[in-house]
Amino acid sequence: MAILDKKQIDRSITVICQVSMRYHNEAFIENLRHRYRVWMKYRECYHLADK
């Protein structure tokens, strides 16, 4: 885990992270989205799945 201080870096920061999910149903994904909205200030979230 890294904690970055935007003031010290003096640049914009883009972070991309990967989250593995146990379930891929709509209710589970909505719950996860809600939790991330509460925990973090994110701009985009993508759901990718293999067939």
Protein backbone atom coordinates (compact mmCIF):
# COMPACT_ATOMS: atom_id res chain seq x y z
CA MET A 1 0.00 0.00 0.00
CA ALA A 2 1.23 3.49 -0.78
CA ILE A 3 0.13 6.74 0.82
CA LEU A 4 0.83 9.69 -1.44
CA ASP A 5 0.78 13.37 -0.51
CA LYS A 6 -0.46 15.28 -3.55
CA LYS A 7 1.00 18.53 -2.18
CA GLN A 8 4.51 17.06 -2.00
CA ILE A 9 4.27 15.39 -5.42
CA ASP A 10 2.83 18.56 -7.00
CA ARG A 11 1.30 16.59 -9.90
CA SER A 12 -2.02 14.99 -10.68
CA ILE A 13 -2.28 11.33 -9.72
CA THR A 14 -4.01 8.50 -11.57
CA VAL A 15 -4.32 5.18 -9.79
CA ILE A 16 -5.62 1.97 -11.34
CA CYS A 17 -6.28 -0.99 -9.08
CA GLN A 18 -7.63 -4.47 -9.62
CA VAL A 19 -10.24 -6.06 -7.38
CA SER A 20 -11.01 -9.76 -7.65
CA MET A 21 -14.61 -10.64 -6.91
CA ARG A 22 -15.97 -13.93 -5.66
CA TYR A 23 -19.42 -13.35 -7.22
CA HIS A 24 -20.43 -11.54 -10.40
CA ASN A 25 -24.16 -11.13 -9.94
CA GLU A 26 -25.85 -7.72 -10.11
CA ALA A 27 -26.64 -7.47 -6.36
CA PHE A 28 -23.05 -8.21 -5.35
CA ILE A 29 -21.66 -5.67 -7.83
CA GLU A 30 -24.08 -2.95 -6.66
CA ASN A 31 -23.10 -3.61 -3.05
CA LEU A 32 -19.42 -3.32 -3.98
CA ARG A 33 -20.03 -0.05 -5.86
CA HIS A 34 -21.86 1.39 -2.86
CA ARG A 35 -19.02 0.44 -0.50
CA TYR A 36 -16.42 2.06 -2.74
CA ARG A 37 -18.48 5.23 -3.02
CA VAL A 38 -18.51 5.46 0.76
CA TRP A 39 -14.82 4.54 1.27
CA MET A 40 -13.14 6.33 -1.61
CA LYS A 41 -13.49 9.23 -3.97
CA TYR A 42 -13.21 7.48 -7.29
CA ARG A 43 -14.08 8.74 -10.73
CA GLU A 44 -14.56 5.54 -12.70
CA CYS A 45 -15.21 1.89 -12.06
CA TYR A 46 -15.21 -0.90 -14.63
CA HIS A 47 -16.49 -4.45 -14.41
CA LEU A 48 -14.64 -6.90 -16.66
CA ALA A 49 -15.36 -10.61 -16.84
CA ASP A 50 -14.14 -13.61 -18.79
CA LYS A 51 -16.58 -15.93 -20.49
